[in-house]
Amino acid sequence: MRLPIIKHTLEFIKDKDEDFVIEAIELLEHMADAKGIKDEELDVIGEFLSNFYGALDVHKEIKSGTSEKEALNSFMKRVMGSIDKG
């Protein structure tokens, strides 16, 4: 996960709507099942999916009243905590 991509996706959600990101996730998940897709392509799709899901999670916290900075910090701590446990 890359924080700059999550932040950029959050800007898109603010300007447009989170439904666009949800639809992009659905499309990427569908593309991941395509015949002949290469491992490198799956890695890129997976990276985008994780960033999009992260942005949606942070956006959900922001909608519930958490500041963007606090929501981003909290999200990254959870991610780092889950990596340390893995």
Protein backbone atom coordinates (compact mmCIF):
# COMPACT_ATOMS: atom_id res chain seq x y z
CA MET A 1 0.00 0.00 0.00
CA ARG A 2 1.18 3.44 -0.87
CA LEU A 3 -0.02 6.43 1.09
CA PRO A 4 0.30 8.88 -1.85
CA ILE A 5 -2.03 6.70 -3.95
CA ILE A 6 -4.51 6.40 -1.09
CA LYS A 7 -4.46 10.21 -0.63
CA HIS A 8 -4.90 10.77 -4.36
CA THR A 9 -7.84 8.36 -4.40
CA LEU A 10 -9.36 10.24 -1.44
CA GLU A 11 -9.16 13.45 -3.46
CA PHE A 12 -11.01 11.73 -6.28
CA ILE A 13 -13.69 10.51 -3.86
CA LYS A 14 -14.11 14.08 -2.54
CA ASP A 15 -14.40 15.51 -6.05
CA LYS A 16 -16.58 12.80 -7.54
CA ASP A 17 -18.08 9.99 -5.47
CA GLU A 18 -16.97 6.80 -3.78
CA ASP A 19 -19.21 4.80 -6.12
CA PHE A 20 -16.68 5.31 -8.93
CA VAL A 21 -13.98 3.69 -6.80
CA ILE A 22 -16.28 0.81 -5.88
CA GLU A 23 -17.01 0.25 -9.56
CA ALA A 24 -13.29 0.39 -10.38
CA ILE A 25 -12.70 -2.27 -7.71
CA GLU A 26 -15.38 -4.47 -9.26
CA LEU A 27 -13.78 -4.08 -12.69
CA LEU A 28 -10.26 -4.83 -11.42
CA GLU A 29 -11.49 -7.92 -9.56
CA HIS A 30 -13.18 -9.08 -12.76
CA MET A 31 -10.03 -8.44 -14.80
CA ALA A 32 -7.95 -10.48 -12.34
CA ASP A 33 -9.92 -13.54 -13.45
CA ALA A 34 -9.17 -13.01 -17.15
CA LYS A 35 -7.53 -15.85 -19.05
CA GLY A 36 -3.89 -15.33 -19.87
CA ILE A 37 -3.27 -12.59 -17.32
CA LYS A 38 0.38 -12.50 -16.27
CA ASP A 39 1.67 -12.59 -12.71
CA GLU A 40 3.13 -9.10 -13.09
CA GLU A 41 -0.27 -7.82 -14.20
CA LEU A 42 -1.94 -9.50 -11.23
CA ASP A 43 0.57 -7.81 -8.94
CA VAL A 44 -0.35 -4.39 -10.35
CA ILE A 45 -4.07 -5.11 -10.10
CA GLY A 46 -3.58 -6.30 -6.51
CA GLU A 47 -1.69 -3.15 -5.62
CA PHE A 48 -4.43 -0.94 -7.02
CA LEU A 49 -7.10 -2.98 -5.24
CA SER A 50 -5.37 -2.70 -1.88
CA ASN A 51 -4.95 1.06 -2.30
CA PHE A 52 -8.57 1.54 -3.39
CA TYR A 53 -9.87 -0.54 -0.48
CA GLY A 54 -7.60 1.44 1.85
CA ALA A 55 -8.93 4.74 0.52
CA LEU A 56 -12.51 3.57 1.02
CA ASP A 57 -11.70 2.55 4.59
CA VAL A 58 -10.10 5.92 5.35
CA HIS A 59 -13.01 7.74 3.66
CA LYS A 60 -15.45 5.83 5.88
CA GLU A 61 -13.59 7.06 8.98
CA ILE A 62 -13.57 10.62 7.66
CA LYS A 63 -17.33 10.47 7.07
CA SER A 64 -17.80 9.40 10.69
CA GLY A 65 -16.04 12.57 11.87
CA THR A 66 -12.35 11.64 12.07
CA SER A 67 -9.92 14.13 10.56
CA GLU A 68 -8.23 13.01 7.35
CA LYS A 69 -4.78 13.05 8.94
CA GLU A 70 -5.97 11.03 11.93
CA ALA A 71 -7.84 8.56 9.71
CA LEU A 72 -4.78 8.05 7.49
CA ASN A 73 -2.49 7.57 10.49
CA SER A 74 -4.89 5.10 12.10
CA PHE A 75 -5.21 3.14 8.87
CA MET A 76 -1.46 2.92 8.34
CA LYS A 77 -0.93 1.79 11.95
CA ARG A 78 -3.47 -1.02 11.42
CA VAL A 79 -1.74 -2.02 8.18
CA MET A 80 1.70 -2.00 9.76
CA GLY A 81 0.36 -3.91 12.76
CA SER A 82 -1.11 -6.61 10.55
CA ILE A 83 2.17 -6.88 8.61
CA ASP A 84 4.13 -7.27 11.87
CA LYS A 85 1.80 -10.08 12.97
CA GLY A 86 2.06 -11.82 9.57
